[in-house]
N, C-alpha and C. Protein backbone atom coordinates (compact mmCIF):
# COMPACT_ATOMS: atom_id res chain seq x y z
N MET A 1 -30.08 -12.77 69.53
CA MET A 1 -30.73 -12.08 68.44
C MET A 1 -31.95 -12.90 67.99
N GLN A 2 -33.06 -12.22 67.82
CA GLN A 2 -34.29 -12.89 67.44
C GLN A 2 -34.39 -12.99 65.91
N GLU A 3 -34.73 -14.18 65.44
CA GLU A 3 -34.85 -14.37 64.00
C GLU A 3 -36.22 -13.91 63.53
N LYS A 4 -36.24 -13.33 62.35
CA LYS A 4 -37.49 -12.87 61.76
C LYS A 4 -38.10 -14.03 60.97
N GLU A 5 -39.35 -14.37 61.27
CA GLU A 5 -40.01 -15.46 60.56
C GLU A 5 -40.50 -14.98 59.20
N GLN A 6 -40.13 -15.71 58.15
CA GLN A 6 -40.57 -15.35 56.81
C GLN A 6 -41.84 -16.10 56.47
N LYS A 7 -42.73 -15.43 55.77
CA LYS A 7 -43.96 -16.05 55.31
C LYS A 7 -43.82 -16.32 53.82
N VAL A 8 -44.53 -17.35 53.38
CA VAL A 8 -44.53 -17.67 51.96
C VAL A 8 -45.30 -16.58 51.24
N SER A 9 -44.78 -16.13 50.10
CA SER A 9 -45.43 -15.05 49.37
C SER A 9 -46.80 -15.48 48.88
N PRO A 10 -47.75 -14.54 48.81
CA PRO A 10 -49.10 -14.87 48.33
C PRO A 10 -49.10 -15.44 46.91
N ILE A 11 -48.22 -14.96 46.05
CA ILE A 11 -48.16 -15.49 44.68
C ILE A 11 -47.72 -16.95 44.71
N LYS A 12 -46.72 -17.24 45.51
CA LYS A 12 -46.25 -18.62 45.63
C LYS A 12 -47.36 -19.50 46.19
N GLN A 13 -48.10 -19.00 47.16
CA GLN A 13 -49.21 -19.76 47.73
C GLN A 13 -50.27 -20.07 46.67
N ARG A 14 -50.56 -19.10 45.82
CA ARG A 14 -51.56 -19.32 44.76
C ARG A 14 -51.07 -20.35 43.75
N ILE A 15 -49.80 -20.29 43.39
CA ILE A 15 -49.25 -21.26 42.44
C ILE A 15 -49.33 -22.67 43.04
N LEU A 16 -48.97 -22.81 44.29
CA LEU A 16 -49.03 -24.12 44.94
C LEU A 16 -50.47 -24.61 45.08
N SER A 17 -51.38 -23.70 45.36
CA SER A 17 -52.80 -24.03 45.44
C SER A 17 -53.31 -24.52 44.09
N PHE A 18 -52.93 -23.82 43.03
CA PHE A 18 -53.29 -24.22 41.67
C PHE A 18 -52.75 -25.61 41.36
N ALA A 19 -51.51 -25.86 41.75
CA ALA A 19 -50.87 -27.16 41.50
C ALA A 19 -51.67 -28.28 42.15
N ASP A 20 -52.21 -28.02 43.33
CA ASP A 20 -52.99 -29.04 44.03
C ASP A 20 -54.27 -29.41 43.28
N THR A 21 -54.79 -28.50 42.47
CA THR A 21 -56.03 -28.76 41.74
C THR A 21 -55.81 -29.59 40.48
N LEU A 22 -54.58 -29.77 40.06
CA LEU A 22 -54.30 -30.44 38.79
C LEU A 22 -54.39 -31.96 38.85
N GLY A 23 -54.31 -32.52 40.03
CA GLY A 23 -54.37 -33.97 40.15
C GLY A 23 -53.10 -34.67 39.67
N ILE A 24 -51.98 -33.97 39.71
CA ILE A 24 -50.70 -34.57 39.36
C ILE A 24 -49.75 -34.40 40.54
N SER A 25 -48.65 -35.11 40.51
CA SER A 25 -47.68 -34.98 41.60
C SER A 25 -46.98 -33.63 41.52
N LYS A 26 -46.44 -33.22 42.66
CA LYS A 26 -45.68 -31.97 42.67
C LYS A 26 -44.47 -32.07 41.75
N ARG A 27 -43.88 -33.25 41.71
CA ARG A 27 -42.72 -33.44 40.84
C ARG A 27 -43.10 -33.18 39.37
N GLU A 28 -44.26 -33.71 38.95
CA GLU A 28 -44.73 -33.47 37.59
C GLU A 28 -45.00 -31.98 37.36
N PHE A 29 -45.58 -31.34 38.37
CA PHE A 29 -45.87 -29.91 38.26
C PHE A 29 -44.59 -29.11 38.08
N TYR A 30 -43.59 -29.41 38.89
CA TYR A 30 -42.32 -28.68 38.79
C TYR A 30 -41.67 -28.90 37.42
N THR A 31 -41.82 -30.10 36.88
CA THR A 31 -41.29 -30.39 35.55
C THR A 31 -42.04 -29.57 34.50
N LEU A 32 -43.36 -29.48 34.64
CA LEU A 32 -44.17 -28.71 33.69
C LEU A 32 -43.75 -27.25 33.62
N ILE A 33 -43.46 -26.66 34.79
CA ILE A 33 -43.10 -25.24 34.78
C ILE A 33 -41.59 -25.02 34.77
N ASN A 34 -40.84 -26.13 34.76
CA ASN A 34 -39.39 -26.05 34.63
C ASN A 34 -38.70 -25.32 35.78
N VAL A 35 -39.07 -25.71 37.01
CA VAL A 35 -38.39 -25.17 38.20
C VAL A 35 -38.06 -26.32 39.14
N SER A 36 -37.12 -26.09 40.02
CA SER A 36 -36.77 -27.12 41.00
C SER A 36 -37.76 -27.09 42.16
N ARG A 37 -37.84 -28.20 42.86
CA ARG A 37 -38.77 -28.33 43.98
C ARG A 37 -38.55 -27.24 45.02
N GLY A 38 -37.32 -26.98 45.35
CA GLY A 38 -37.00 -26.00 46.37
C GLY A 38 -37.45 -24.59 46.04
N THR A 39 -37.59 -24.31 44.76
CA THR A 39 -37.99 -22.97 44.33
C THR A 39 -39.35 -22.58 44.90
N LEU A 40 -40.28 -23.50 44.93
CA LEU A 40 -41.62 -23.18 45.42
C LEU A 40 -41.86 -23.64 46.86
N GLU A 41 -41.04 -24.53 47.36
CA GLU A 41 -41.27 -25.03 48.71
C GLU A 41 -40.49 -24.28 49.79
N SER A 42 -39.57 -23.43 49.38
CA SER A 42 -38.83 -22.64 50.37
C SER A 42 -39.67 -21.45 50.80
N LYS A 43 -39.29 -20.87 51.92
CA LYS A 43 -40.04 -19.72 52.43
C LYS A 43 -39.51 -18.39 51.89
N THR A 44 -38.67 -18.46 50.89
CA THR A 44 -38.17 -17.24 50.29
C THR A 44 -39.19 -16.69 49.31
N GLY A 45 -38.92 -15.53 48.79
CA GLY A 45 -39.81 -14.91 47.81
C GLY A 45 -39.81 -15.67 46.50
N ILE A 46 -40.49 -15.11 45.54
CA ILE A 46 -40.58 -15.73 44.23
C ILE A 46 -40.04 -14.74 43.21
N THR A 47 -39.34 -15.25 42.23
CA THR A 47 -38.74 -14.36 41.24
C THR A 47 -39.67 -14.16 40.05
N GLU A 48 -39.40 -13.11 39.31
CA GLU A 48 -40.15 -12.83 38.09
C GLU A 48 -39.99 -13.98 37.10
N ASP A 49 -38.82 -14.57 37.06
CA ASP A 49 -38.56 -15.69 36.15
C ASP A 49 -39.48 -16.87 36.44
N VAL A 50 -39.67 -17.20 37.70
CA VAL A 50 -40.54 -18.32 38.08
C VAL A 50 -41.98 -18.01 37.70
N VAL A 51 -42.42 -16.80 37.96
CA VAL A 51 -43.78 -16.40 37.59
C VAL A 51 -43.97 -16.51 36.08
N ASN A 52 -42.99 -16.06 35.33
CA ASN A 52 -43.06 -16.14 33.87
C ASN A 52 -43.13 -17.59 33.38
N LYS A 53 -42.35 -18.48 34.00
CA LYS A 53 -42.38 -19.89 33.63
C LYS A 53 -43.76 -20.49 33.91
N PHE A 54 -44.35 -20.11 35.04
CA PHE A 54 -45.67 -20.61 35.39
C PHE A 54 -46.71 -20.14 34.38
N ILE A 55 -46.69 -18.85 34.05
CA ILE A 55 -47.65 -18.30 33.09
C ILE A 55 -47.44 -18.90 31.70
N LYS A 56 -46.20 -19.15 31.33
CA LYS A 56 -45.93 -19.77 30.03
C LYS A 56 -46.49 -21.18 29.97
N ALA A 57 -46.38 -21.92 31.07
CA ALA A 57 -46.88 -23.29 31.12
C ALA A 57 -48.40 -23.33 31.19
N PHE A 58 -49.00 -22.30 31.79
CA PHE A 58 -50.46 -22.24 31.96
C PHE A 58 -50.96 -20.88 31.48
N PRO A 59 -50.97 -20.67 30.16
CA PRO A 59 -51.32 -19.34 29.62
C PRO A 59 -52.76 -18.91 29.90
N ASP A 60 -53.63 -19.84 30.25
CA ASP A 60 -55.02 -19.47 30.53
C ASP A 60 -55.24 -19.01 31.97
N ILE A 61 -54.18 -19.04 32.77
CA ILE A 61 -54.32 -18.62 34.16
C ILE A 61 -54.66 -17.13 34.23
N ASN A 62 -55.52 -16.77 35.14
CA ASN A 62 -55.90 -15.37 35.33
C ASN A 62 -54.76 -14.67 36.07
N THR A 63 -54.03 -13.82 35.38
CA THR A 63 -52.87 -13.17 35.99
C THR A 63 -53.27 -12.18 37.08
N GLU A 64 -54.47 -11.62 36.99
CA GLU A 64 -54.94 -10.73 38.07
C GLU A 64 -55.11 -11.53 39.34
N TRP A 65 -55.65 -12.74 39.24
CA TRP A 65 -55.79 -13.61 40.41
C TRP A 65 -54.42 -13.96 40.96
N LEU A 66 -53.50 -14.26 40.08
CA LEU A 66 -52.17 -14.67 40.50
C LEU A 66 -51.45 -13.57 41.27
N ILE A 67 -51.56 -12.35 40.77
CA ILE A 67 -50.83 -11.24 41.38
C ILE A 67 -51.67 -10.55 42.42
């Protein structure tokens, strides 16, 4: 049986890209948005809860860009 390769969601990619621009460690970033490391580094989708935590931590983020 052939396994289906999962891609990282575009929203998750944008969040990780944003994190890279902050000049802080990923650990600090995950603490800021209150999620575990695996939440954003896994190839699974992203939940509404994680998106809400990110927006709450960075309210000035352009949500149209994010979504």
